[in-house]
């Protein structure tokens, strides 16, 4: 299980999710970021993954590939072909796949019976979007016996609250067709989808017209990840303050408008580019003034630092 430098690697997106960042030090694990192709809708390129793998073997022994789909905060959804290509790569490289996927089962033998997969589900990622309950489960597929032991020990961790477990059970085993509760759940689900789709369209429309801002179409998830242009003088001012350029922009935006956005450097982004994370969850009447404030401030920001 150990590499030539007695270190193991955990692959991540552009940067490990925060929960994974806290675990990287366990048993000498390190993160090996791989890029997403923004201009291709944040696609995962198989050749880019292979190149990162070859480079990583100089310093560690890659063991795990983490795929976040739908992307967070990018909002992209990998195509069926992309997921199949990733699964074949995992099989060829003998990696453990961490993903929220069911594609593996549909690919049939031999992949379905040999690829090691840990599949996750949580209440916060479901259509319910109830992140406060901290409840979910994982499924171990084709996992070696020695790897399952830590998961067995984890069963001693305190269980989620009773209400969270009831909600999770409701989502996994919904009421029968015709049940009044089932009707209410479906109405809530469809309403949420309409609201998210509307907000995603508005983000694309408004930011697509703004000079110096580019946003890839949001296909899933609850966030957009637009790229913002920052002039050289702004980059210089950020360096003087000891801040990442996008952090500097977000601080100035907050002070000027009261709008709080997440800087892209918190998630990871291609070198030389700057992004902001924008939630799609607020009601449309709340999101509209946020988009207006962002575009107006960015225009003034470009003018000020030009």
C-alpha atoms as a PDB file:
ATOM      1  CA  UNK A   1       0.000   0.000   0.000  1.00  0.00           C
ATOM      2  CA  UNK A   2       3.010   2.309   0.391  1.00  0.00           C
ATOM      3  CA  UNK A   3       4.807   4.026  -2.487  1.00  0.00           C
ATOM      4  CA  UNK A   4       8.511   4.345  -3.072  1.00  0.00           C
ATOM      5  CA  UNK A   5       8.589   7.420  -0.830  1.00  0.00           C
ATOM      6  CA  UNK A   6       6.336   5.799   1.788  1.00  0.00           C
ATOM      7  CA  UNK A   7       3.527   8.175   0.905  1.00  0.00           C
ATOM      8  CA  UNK A   8       0.113   7.613  -0.564  1.00  0.00           C
ATOM      9  CA  UNK A   9      -1.847  10.026  -2.714  1.00  0.00           C
ATOM     10  CA  UNK A  10      -5.485  11.003  -2.738  1.00  0.00           C
ATOM     11  CA  UNK A  11      -6.589  12.542  -6.005  1.00  0.00           C
ATOM     12  CA  UNK A  12      -8.963  15.462  -5.951  1.00  0.00           C
ATOM     13  CA  UNK A  13     -10.604  17.942  -8.277  1.00  0.00           C
ATOM     14  CA  UNK A  14      -8.713  21.258  -8.520  1.00  0.00           C
ATOM     15  CA  UNK A  15      -8.396  21.193  -4.768  1.00  0.00           C
ATOM     16  CA  UNK A  16      -9.512  18.676  -2.172  1.00  0.00           C
ATOM     17  CA  UNK A  17     -12.957  19.310  -0.666  1.00  0.00           C
ATOM     18  CA  UNK A  18     -12.592  20.815   2.799  1.00  0.00           C
ATOM     19  CA  UNK A  19     -13.534  17.571   4.552  1.00  0.00           C
ATOM     20  CA  UNK A  20     -10.819  15.755   2.607  1.00  0.00           C
ATOM     21  CA  UNK A  21      -8.237  18.449   3.296  1.00  0.00           C
ATOM     22  CA  UNK A  22      -8.536  17.634   6.996  1.00  0.00           C
ATOM     23  CA  UNK A  23      -7.914  13.940   6.335  1.00  0.00           C
ATOM     24  CA  UNK A  24      -4.946  14.241   3.968  1.00  0.00           C
ATOM     25  CA  UNK A  25      -2.360  13.854   6.719  1.00  0.00           C
ATOM     26  CA  UNK A  26      -3.723  10.489   7.825  1.00  0.00           C
ATOM     27  CA  UNK A  27      -1.170   7.719   7.167  1.00  0.00           C
ATOM     28  CA  UNK A  28       0.976  10.079   5.061  1.00  0.00           C
ATOM     29  CA  UNK A  29      -1.661  10.802   2.398  1.00  0.00           C
ATOM     30  CA  UNK A  30      -1.115  13.750   0.068  1.00  0.00           C
ATOM     31  CA  UNK A  31      -3.369  15.490  -2.449  1.00  0.00           C
ATOM     32  CA  UNK A  32      -2.598  15.397  -6.176  1.00  0.00           C
ATOM     33  CA  UNK A  33      -4.809  17.989  -7.914  1.00  0.00           C
ATOM     34  CA  UNK A  34      -5.878  17.490 -11.526  1.00  0.00           C
ATOM     35  CA  UNK A  35      -7.269  20.207 -13.825  1.00  0.00           C
ATOM     36  CA  UNK A  36     -10.707  20.602 -15.334  1.00  0.00           C
ATOM     37  CA  UNK A  37     -11.151  22.021 -18.846  1.00  0.00           C
ATOM     38  CA  UNK A  38     -13.156  25.192 -18.209  1.00  0.00           C
ATOM     39  CA  UNK A  39     -13.663  26.051 -21.882  1.00  0.00           C
ATOM     40  CA  UNK A  40     -15.159  22.579 -22.422  1.00  0.00           C
ATOM     41  CA  UNK A  41     -17.685  23.053 -19.626  1.00  0.00           C
ATOM     42  CA  UNK A  42     -15.301  21.957 -16.846  1.00  0.00           C
ATOM     43  CA  UNK A  43     -14.832  18.539 -18.458  1.00  0.00           C
ATOM     44  CA  UNK A  44     -12.466  15.932 -17.031  1.00  0.00           C
ATOM     45  CA  UNK A  45      -9.942  14.993 -19.725  1.00  0.00           C
ATOM     46  CA  UNK A  46      -8.651  11.438 -19.551  1.00  0.00           C
ATOM     47  CA  UNK A  47      -5.250  12.340 -20.994  1.00  0.00           C
ATOM     48  CA  UNK A  48      -4.839  15.132 -18.430  1.00  0.00           C
ATOM     49  CA  UNK A  49      -5.567  12.605 -15.676  1.00  0.00           C
ATOM     50  CA  UNK A  50      -2.966  10.226 -17.052  1.00  0.00           C
ATOM     51  CA  UNK A  51      -0.380  12.997 -17.253  1.00  0.00           C
ATOM     52  CA  UNK A  52      -1.021  13.995 -13.637  1.00  0.00           C
ATOM     53  CA  UNK A  53      -0.712  10.335 -12.665  1.00  0.00           C
ATOM     54  CA  UNK A  54       2.682   9.998 -14.360  1.00  0.00           C
ATOM     55  CA  UNK A  55       3.970  13.171 -12.721  1.00  0.00           C
ATOM     56  CA  UNK A  56       2.623  12.171  -9.285  1.00  0.00           C
ATOM     57  CA  UNK A  57       4.515   8.896  -9.267  1.00  0.00           C
ATOM     58  CA  UNK A  58       7.759  10.851  -8.927  1.00  0.00           C
ATOM     59  CA  UNK A  59       6.819  11.827  -5.363  1.00  0.00           C
ATOM     60  CA  UNK A  60       4.081   9.450  -4.229  1.00  0.00           C
ATOM     61  CA  UNK A  61       2.026   6.364  -4.997  1.00  0.00           C
ATOM     62  CA  UNK A  62      -1.467   7.369  -6.221  1.00  0.00           C
ATOM     63  CA  UNK A  63      -4.160   5.110  -4.811  1.00  0.00           C
ATOM     64  CA  UNK A  64      -7.458   7.023  -4.975  1.00  0.00           C
ATOM     65  CA  UNK A  65      -9.357   9.052  -7.583  1.00  0.00           C
ATOM     66  CA  UNK A  66     -12.059  11.422  -6.318  1.00  0.00           C
ATOM     67  CA  UNK A  67     -14.739  12.555  -8.768  1.00  0.00           C
ATOM     68  CA  UNK A  68     -17.305  15.187  -7.744  1.00  0.00           C
ATOM     69  CA  UNK A  69     -20.318  15.025 -10.053  1.00  0.00           C
ATOM     70  CA  UNK A  70     -22.229  17.328 -10.328  1.00  0.00           C
ATOM     71  CA  UNK A  71     -19.243  19.610  -9.859  1.00  0.00           C
ATOM     72  CA  UNK A  72     -19.092  21.876  -6.841  1.00  0.00           C
ATOM     73  CA  UNK A  73     -18.740  24.810  -7.267  1.00  0.00           C
ATOM     74  CA  UNK A  74     -18.479  24.567 -11.065  1.00  0.00           C
ATOM     75  CA  UNK A  75     -22.012  23.229 -11.581  1.00  0.00           C
ATOM     76  CA  UNK A  76     -20.956  20.910 -14.418  1.00  0.00           C
ATOM     77  CA  UNK A  77     -22.319  17.413 -14.999  1.00  0.00           C
ATOM     78  CA  UNK A  78     -20.054  14.798 -16.531  1.00  0.00           C
ATOM     79  CA  UNK A  79     -21.398  13.021 -19.579  1.00  0.00           C
ATOM     80  CA  UNK A  80     -22.067   9.295 -19.543  1.00  0.00           C
ATOM     81  CA  UNK A  81     -19.101   8.787 -21.873  1.00  0.00           C
ATOM     82  CA  UNK A  82     -16.803  10.759 -19.552  1.00  0.00           C
ATOM     83  CA  UNK A  83     -17.778   8.637 -16.555  1.00  0.00           C
ATOM     84  CA  UNK A  84     -17.255   5.417 -18.485  1.00  0.00           C
ATOM     85  CA  UNK A  85     -13.805   6.635 -19.591  1.00  0.00           C
ATOM     86  CA  UNK A  86     -12.932   7.501 -15.988  1.00  0.00           C
ATOM     87  CA  UNK A  87     -14.020   4.065 -14.770  1.00  0.00           C
ATOM     88  CA  UNK A  88     -11.858   2.378 -17.428  1.00  0.00           C
ATOM     89  CA  UNK A  89      -8.906   4.526 -16.378  1.00  0.00           C
ATOM     90  CA  UNK A  90      -9.470   3.566 -12.738  1.00  0.00           C
ATOM     91  CA  UNK A  91      -9.463  -0.103 -13.717  1.00  0.00           C
ATOM     92  CA  UNK A  92      -6.268   0.241 -15.764  1.00  0.00           C
ATOM     93  CA  UNK A  93      -4.430   2.120 -13.031  1.00  0.00           C
ATOM     94  CA  UNK A  94      -5.795   0.000 -10.149  1.00  0.00           C
ATOM     95  CA  UNK A  95      -7.223   2.977  -8.266  1.00  0.00           C
ATOM     96  CA  UNK A  96     -10.004   3.245  -5.707  1.00  0.00           C
ATOM     97  CA  UNK A  97     -12.810   5.445  -7.034  1.00  0.00           C
ATOM     98  CA  UNK A  98     -14.647   7.879  -4.745  1.00  0.00           C
ATOM     99  CA  UNK A  99     -17.766   9.086  -6.549  1.00  0.00           C
ATOM    100  CA  UNK A 100     -21.536   9.471  -6.389  1.00  0.00           C
ATOM    101  CA  UNK A 101     -22.159   7.184  -9.348  1.00  0.00           C
ATOM    102  CA  UNK A 102     -24.248   4.244 -10.535  1.00  0.00           C
ATOM    103  CA  UNK A 103     -22.705   4.008 -14.015  1.00  0.00           C
ATOM    104  CA  UNK A 104     -20.363   1.205 -12.904  1.00  0.00           C
ATOM    105  CA  UNK A 105     -23.226  -1.273 -12.422  1.00  0.00           C
ATOM    106  CA  UNK A 106     -24.542  -0.602 -15.923  1.00  0.00           C
ATOM    107  CA  UNK A 107     -21.172  -1.220 -17.607  1.00  0.00           C
ATOM    108  CA  UNK A 108     -21.327  -4.914 -16.786  1.00  0.00           C
ATOM    109  CA  UNK A 109     -18.516  -7.428 -16.381  1.00  0.00           C
ATOM    110  CA  UNK A 110     -15.644  -7.366 -15.863  1.00  0.00           C
ATOM    111  CA  UNK A 111     -15.595  -3.727 -14.666  1.00  0.00           C
ATOM    112  CA  UNK A 112     -18.722  -4.003 -12.506  1.00  0.00           C
ATOM    113  CA  UNK A 113     -17.182  -6.852 -10.528  1.00  0.00           C
ATOM    114  CA  UNK A 114     -13.591  -5.595 -10.246  1.00  0.00           C
ATOM    115  CA  UNK A 115     -13.457  -1.769  -9.977  1.00  0.00           C
ATOM    116  CA  UNK A 116     -13.300  -0.655  -6.340  1.00  0.00           C
ATOM    117  CA  UNK A 117     -15.845   2.083  -5.641  1.00  0.00           C
ATOM    118  CA  UNK A 118     -16.976   4.014  -2.584  1.00  0.00           C
ATOM    119  CA  UNK A 119     -20.257   5.683  -3.496  1.00  0.00           C
ATOM    120  CA  UNK A 120     -21.663   8.462  -1.295  1.00  0.00           C
ATOM    121  CA  UNK A 121     -25.105   9.848  -0.597  1.00  0.00           C
ATOM    122  CA  UNK A 122     -26.110  12.531   1.872  1.00  0.00           C
ATOM    123  CA  UNK A 123     -29.252  14.420   2.737  1.00  0.00           C
ATOM    124  CA  UNK A 124     -27.521  17.707   1.944  1.00  0.00           C
ATOM    125  CA  UNK A 125     -26.772  16.593  -1.636  1.00  0.00           C
ATOM    126  CA  UNK A 126     -30.263  15.267  -2.265  1.00  0.00           C
ATOM    127  CA  UNK A 127     -33.139  17.263  -3.693  1.00  0.00           C
ATOM    128  CA  UNK A 128     -34.120  17.991  -0.085  1.00  0.00           C
ATOM    129  CA  UNK A 129     -30.962  20.057   0.353  1.00  0.00           C
ATOM    130  CA  UNK A 130     -31.135  19.634   4.143  1.00  0.00           C
ATOM    131  CA  UNK A 131     -27.473  20.136   4.985  1.00  0.00           C
ATOM    132  CA  UNK A 132     -28.019  20.870   8.675  1.00  0.00           C
ATOM    133  CA  UNK A 133     -28.921  17.270   9.575  1.00  0.00           C
ATOM    134  CA  UNK A 134     -25.477  15.828   8.715  1.00  0.00           C
ATOM    135  CA  UNK A 135     -26.809  12.443   7.698  1.00  0.00           C
ATOM    136  CA  UNK A 136     -25.981  10.129   4.811  1.00  0.00           C
ATOM    137  CA  UNK A 137     -24.447   6.786   3.948  1.00  0.00           C
ATOM    138  CA  UNK A 138     -21.810   5.227   1.734  1.00  0.00           C
ATOM    139  CA  UNK A 139     -21.743   2.020  -0.285  1.00  0.00           C
ATOM    140  CA  UNK A 140     -18.600  -0.109  -0.596  1.00  0.00           C
ATOM    141  CA  UNK A 141     -18.371  -1.909  -3.940  1.00  0.00           C
ATOM    142  CA  UNK A 142     -15.710  -4.557  -4.656  1.00  0.00           C
ATOM    143  CA  UNK A 143     -13.637  -3.257  -1.739  1.00  0.00           C
ATOM    144  CA  UNK A 144     -10.758  -5.396  -0.472  1.00  0.00           C
ATOM    145  CA  UNK A 145     -11.314  -6.902   2.970  1.00  0.00           C
ATOM    146  CA  UNK A 146      -8.377  -5.052   4.534  1.00  0.00           C
ATOM    147  CA  UNK A 147      -9.806  -1.704   3.471  1.00  0.00           C
ATOM    148  CA  UNK A 148     -13.235  -2.344   4.964  1.00  0.00           C
ATOM    149  CA  UNK A 149     -11.916  -2.543   8.543  1.00  0.00           C
ATOM    150  CA  UNK A 150     -11.731   1.242   9.130  1.00  0.00           C
ATOM    151  CA  UNK A 151     -15.326   1.531   7.928  1.00  0.00           C
ATOM    152  CA  UNK A 152     -16.387  -1.148  10.394  1.00  0.00           C
ATOM    153  CA  UNK A 153     -14.654   0.748  13.187  1.00  0.00           C
ATOM    154  CA  UNK A 154     -16.400   3.934  12.073  1.00  0.00           C
ATOM    155  CA  UNK A 155     -19.722   2.372  13.047  1.00  0.00           C
ATOM    156  CA  UNK A 156     -18.882   3.346  16.633  1.00  0.00           C
ATOM    157  CA  UNK A 157     -19.154   7.029  15.683  1.00  0.00           C
ATOM    158  CA  UNK A 158     -22.296   8.653  17.193  1.00  0.00           C
ATOM    159  CA  UNK A 159     -25.319   8.226  14.963  1.00  0.00           C
ATOM    160  CA  UNK A 160     -27.118  11.156  13.268  1.00  0.00           C
ATOM    161  CA  UNK A 161     -30.106  12.730  14.963  1.00  0.00           C
ATOM    162  CA  UNK A 162     -33.393  10.856  14.810  1.00  0.00           C
ATOM    163  CA  UNK A 163     -35.111  13.425  12.577  1.00  0.00           C
ATOM    164  CA  UNK A 164     -32.251  13.253  10.060  1.00  0.00           C
ATOM    165  CA  UNK A 165     -32.495   9.478   9.907  1.00  0.00           C
ATOM    166  CA  UNK A 166     -36.265   9.693   9.357  1.00  0.00           C
ATOM    167  CA  UNK A 167     -35.765  12.141   6.473  1.00  0.00           C
ATOM    168  CA  UNK A 168     -33.093   9.940   4.900  1.00  0.00           C
ATOM    169  CA  UNK A 169     -35.352   6.897   5.156  1.00  0.00           C
ATOM    170  CA  UNK A 170     -38.177   8.892   3.554  1.00  0.00           C
ATOM    171  CA  UNK A 171     -36.012   9.819   0.572  1.00  0.00           C
ATOM    172  CA  UNK A 172     -34.678   6.295   0.088  1.00  0.00           C
ATOM    173  CA  UNK A 173     -38.082   4.626   0.505  1.00  0.00           C
ATOM    174  CA  UNK A 174     -40.652   7.230  -0.579  1.00  0.00           C
ATOM    175  CA  UNK A 175     -44.407   6.850   0.002  1.00  0.00           C
ATOM    176  CA  UNK A 176     -46.450   4.892  -2.503  1.00  0.00           C
ATOM    177  CA  UNK A 177     -48.014   6.564  -5.537  1.00  0.00           C
ATOM    178  CA  UNK A 178     -51.224   8.329  -4.541  1.00  0.00           C
ATOM    179  CA  UNK A 179     -50.155   8.922  -0.955  1.00  0.00           C
ATOM    180  CA  UNK A 180     -50.724  12.612   0.005  1.00  0.00           C
ATOM    181  CA  UNK A 181     -47.181  12.826   1.349  1.00  0.00           C
ATOM    182  CA  UNK A 182     -45.786  11.526  -1.943  1.00  0.00           C
ATOM    183  CA  UNK A 183     -47.712  14.222  -3.823  1.00  0.00           C
ATOM    184  CA  UNK A 184     -46.386  16.950  -1.535  1.00  0.00           C
ATOM    185  CA  UNK A 185     -42.824  15.656  -1.921  1.00  0.00           C
ATOM    186  CA  UNK A 186     -43.080  15.646  -5.708  1.00  0.00           C
ATOM    187  CA  UNK A 187     -44.490  19.180  -5.774  1.00  0.00           C
ATOM    188  CA  UNK A 188     -41.632  20.363  -3.569  1.00  0.00           C
ATOM    189  CA  UNK A 189     -39.079  18.570  -5.756  1.00  0.00           C
ATOM    190  CA  UNK A 190     -40.433  20.017  -8.992  1.00  0.00           C
ATOM    191  CA  UNK A 191     -40.652  23.485  -7.472  1.00  0.00           C
ATOM    192  CA  UNK A 192     -37.030  23.358  -6.371  1.00  0.00           C
ATOM    193  CA  UNK A 193     -35.917  22.208  -9.802  1.00  0.00           C
ATOM    194  CA  UNK A 194     -37.823  25.053 -11.482  1.00  0.00           C
ATOM    195  CA  UNK A 195     -36.289  27.609  -9.131  1.00  0.00           C
ATOM    196  CA  UNK A 196     -32.738  26.317  -9.622  1.00  0.00           C
ATOM    197  CA  UNK A 197     -33.164  26.117 -13.406  1.00  0.00           C
ATOM    198  CA  UNK A 198     -34.538  29.663 -13.500  1.00  0.00           C
ATOM    199  CA  UNK A 199     -31.684  31.015 -11.378  1.00  0.00           C
ATOM    200  CA  UNK A 200     -29.100  29.180 -13.485  1.00  0.00           C
ATOM    201  CA  UNK A 201     -30.544  30.727 -16.658  1.00  0.00           C
ATOM    202  CA  UNK A 202     -30.546  34.196 -15.129  1.00  0.00           C
ATOM    203  CA  UNK A 203     -26.919  33.883 -14.013  1.00  0.00           C
ATOM    204  CA  UNK A 204     -25.975  32.885 -17.558  1.00  0.00           C
ATOM    205  CA  UNK A 205     -27.981  35.700 -19.117  1.00  0.00           C
ATOM    206  CA  UNK A 206     -26.877  38.502 -16.809  1.00  0.00           C
ATOM    207  CA  UNK A 207     -23.222  37.572 -16.419  1.00  0.00           C
ATOM    208  CA  UNK A 208     -22.956  36.653 -20.097  1.00  0.00           C
ATOM    209  CA  UNK A 209     -23.622  40.290 -20.992  1.00  0.00           C
ATOM    210  CA  UNK A 210     -21.153  41.718 -18.482  1.00  0.00           C
ATOM    211  CA  UNK A 211     -17.724  42.745 -19.830  1.00  0.00           C
ATOM    212  CA  UNK A 212     -14.889  40.860 -18.165  1.00  0.00           C
ATOM    213  CA  UNK A 213     -17.066  38.070 -16.739  1.00  0.00           C
ATOM    214  CA  UNK A 214     -17.466  34.594 -18.239  1.00  0.00           C
ATOM    215  CA  UNK A 215     -19.633  31.839 -16.813  1.00  0.00           C
ATOM    216  CA  UNK A 216     -19.896  28.298 -18.144  1.00  0.00           C
ATOM    217  CA  UNK A 217     -23.459  26.914 -18.285  1.00  0.00           C
ATOM    218  CA  UNK A 218     -24.656  25.449 -14.997  1.00  0.00           C
ATOM    219  CA  UNK A 219     -25.922  21.908 -15.568  1.00  0.00           C
ATOM    220  CA  UNK A 220     -26.391  20.704 -11.999  1.00  0.00           C
ATOM    221  CA  UNK A 221     -25.645  21.484  -8.392  1.00  0.00           C
ATOM    222  CA  UNK A 222     -26.487  24.660  -6.503  1.00  0.00           C
ATOM    223  CA  UNK A 223     -23.627  26.991  -7.454  1.00  0.00           C
ATOM    224  CA  UNK A 224     -22.171  28.841 -10.425  1.00  0.00           C
ATOM    225  CA  UNK A 225     -18.453  29.519 -10.802  1.00  0.00           C
ATOM    226  CA  UNK A 226     -17.986  32.552 -13.090  1.00  0.00           C
ATOM    227  CA  UNK A 227     -14.518  33.683 -14.122  1.00  0.00           C
ATOM    228  CA  UNK A 228     -13.760  37.348 -13.532  1.00  0.00           C
ATOM    229  CA  UNK A 229     -11.153  39.531 -15.195  1.00  0.00           C
ATOM    230  CA  UNK A 230      -8.865  41.363 -12.767  1.00  0.00           C
ATOM    231  CA  UNK A 231      -6.555  44.116 -14.101  1.00  0.00           C
ATOM    232  CA  UNK A 232      -2.795  44.146 -13.363  1.00  0.00           C
ATOM    233  CA  UNK A 233      -3.062  47.031 -10.893  1.00  0.00           C
ATOM    234  CA  UNK A 234      -5.587  45.064  -8.854  1.00  0.00           C
ATOM    235  CA  UNK A 235      -3.258  42.042  -8.825  1.00  0.00           C
ATOM    236  CA  UNK A 236      -0.447  44.294  -7.610  1.00  0.00           C
ATOM    237  CA  UNK A 237      -2.613  45.782  -4.857  1.00  0.00           C
ATOM    238  CA  UNK A 238      -3.604  42.285  -3.719  1.00  0.00           C
ATOM    239  CA  UNK A 239       0.060  41.272  -3.472  1.00  0.00           C
ATOM    240  CA  UNK A 240       0.813  44.374  -1.375  1.00  0.00           C
ATOM    241  CA  UNK A 241      -1.972  43.347   1.025  1.00  0.00           C
ATOM    242  CA  UNK A 242      -0.826  39.724   1.083  1.00  0.00           C
ATOM    243  CA  UNK A 243      -4.124  38.493  -0.376  1.00  0.00           C
ATOM    244  CA  UNK A 244      -5.120  36.240  -3.220  1.00  0.00           C
ATOM    245  CA  UNK A 245      -6.453  38.485  -6.031  1.00  0.00           C
ATOM    246  CA  UNK A 246      -9.933  36.981  -5.953  1.00  0.00           C
ATOM    247  CA  UNK A 247     -10.039  37.307  -2.152  1.00  0.00           C
ATOM    248  CA  UNK A 248      -9.170  40.988  -2.554  1.00  0.00           C
ATOM    249  CA  UNK A 249     -11.978  41.391  -5.100  1.00  0.00           C
ATOM    250  CA  UNK A 250     -14.525  39.657  -2.862  1.00  0.00           C
ATOM    251  CA  UNK A 251     -13.539  41.805   0.119  1.00  0.00           C
ATOM    252  CA  UNK A 252     -13.926  44.982  -1.922  1.00  0.00           C
ATOM    253  CA  UNK A 253     -17.269  43.735  -3.255  1.00  0.00           C
ATOM    254  CA  UNK A 254     -18.538  43.008   0.251  1.00  0.00           C
ATOM    255  CA  UNK A 255     -17.482  46.401   1.601  1.00  0.00           C
ATOM    256  CA  UNK A 256     -19.012  48.279  -1.334  1.00  0.00           C
ATOM    257  CA  UNK A 257     -22.271  46.365  -1.815  1.00  0.00           C
ATOM    258  CA  UNK A 258     -22.779  43.977   1.112  1.00  0.00           C
ATOM    259  CA  UNK A 259     -22.759  41.014  -1.300  1.00  0.00           C
ATOM    260  CA  UNK A 260     -20.745  38.047  -0.030  1.00  0.00           C
ATOM    261  CA  UNK A 261     -19.265  35.653  -2.602  1.00  0.00           C
ATOM    262  CA  UNK A 262     -16.764  32.825  -2.170  1.00  0.00           C
ATOM    263  CA  UNK A 263     -13.382  33.465  -3.833  1.00  0.00           C
ATOM    264  CA  UNK A 264     -12.356  30.804  -6.322  1.00  0.00           C
ATOM    265  CA  UNK A 265      -9.024  30.252  -4.586  1.00  0.00           C
ATOM    266  CA  UNK A 266     -10.968  28.641  -1.736  1.00  0.00           C
ATOM    267  CA  UNK A 267     -11.895  25.815  -4.100  1.00  0.00           C
ATOM    268  CA  UNK A 268      -8.928  25.752  -6.462  1.00  0.00           C
ATOM    269  CA  UNK A 269      -8.749  27.150  -9.979  1.00  0.00           C
ATOM    270  CA  UNK A 270      -6.446  27.089 -13.015  1.00  0.00           C
ATOM    271  CA  UNK A 271      -3.346  29.198 -12.483  1.00  0.00           C
ATOM    272  CA  UNK A 272      -3.704  32.759 -13.732  1.00  0.00           C
ATOM    273  CA  UNK A 273      -7.527  32.688 -13.610  1.00  0.00           C
ATOM    274  CA  UNK A 274      -9.860  34.119 -10.992  1.00  0.00           C
ATOM    275  CA  UNK A 275     -13.360  33.003 -10.113  1.00  0.00           C
ATOM    276  CA  UNK A 276     -16.135  33.550  -7.589  1.00  0.00           C
ATOM    277  CA  UNK A 277     -18.581  31.010  -6.200  1.00  0.00           C
ATOM    278  CA  UNK A 278     -22.194  32.139  -6.530  1.00  0.00           C
ATOM    279  CA  UNK A 279     -25.076  30.296  -4.849  1.00  0.00           C
ATOM    280  CA  UNK A 280     -28.217  29.547  -6.865  1.00  0.00           C
ATOM    281  CA  UNK A 281     -30.309  28.785  -3.785  1.00  0.00           C
ATOM    282  CA  UNK A 282     -31.640  32.291  -2.947  1.00  0.00           C
ATOM    283  CA  UNK A 283     -35.111  33.183  -4.239  1.00  0.00           C
ATOM    284  CA  UNK A 284     -35.148  34.843  -7.653  1.00  0.00           C
ATOM    285  CA  UNK A 285     -36.126  38.199  -6.128  1.00  0.00           C
ATOM    286  CA  UNK A 286     -32.993  38.029  -3.969  1.00  0.00           C
ATOM    287  CA  UNK A 287     -30.640  36.776  -6.687  1.00  0.00           C
ATOM    288  CA  UNK A 288     -31.517  39.497  -9.207  1.00  0.00           C
ATOM    289  CA  UNK A 289     -30.155  42.432  -7.147  1.00  0.00           C
ATOM    290  CA  UNK A 290     -27.073  40.347  -6.292  1.00  0.00           C
ATOM    291  CA  UNK A 291     -26.315  39.834  -9.986  1.00  0.00           C
ATOM    292  CA  UNK A 292     -26.906  43.516 -10.674  1.00  0.00           C
ATOM    293  CA  UNK A 293     -24.621  44.563  -7.820  1.00  0.00           C
ATOM    294  CA  UNK A 294     -21.904  42.145  -8.970  1.00  0.00           C
ATOM    295  CA  UNK A 295     -21.887  43.322 -12.583  1.00  0.00           C
ATOM    296  CA  UNK A 296     -21.991  47.014 -11.685  1.00  0.00           C
ATOM    297  CA  UNK A 297     -19.243  46.673  -9.090  1.00  0.00           C
ATOM    298  CA  UNK A 298     -17.026  44.650 -11.419  1.00  0.00           C
ATOM    299  CA  UNK A 299     -17.341  47.340 -14.106  1.00  0.00           C
ATOM    300  CA  UNK A 300     -16.384  50.019 -11.577  1.00  0.00           C
ATOM    301  CA  UNK A 301     -13.552  47.811 -10.280  1.00  0.00           C
ATOM    302  CA  UNK A 302     -12.081  47.458 -13.772  1.00  0.00           C
ATOM    303  CA  UNK A 303     -12.335  51.202 -14.324  1.00  0.00           C
ATOM    304  CA  UNK A 304     -10.730  52.038 -10.965  1.00  0.00           C
ATOM    305  CA  UNK A 305      -7.739  49.734 -11.465  1.00  0.00           C
ATOM    306  CA  UNK A 306      -7.288  50.311 -15.207  1.00  0.00           C
END
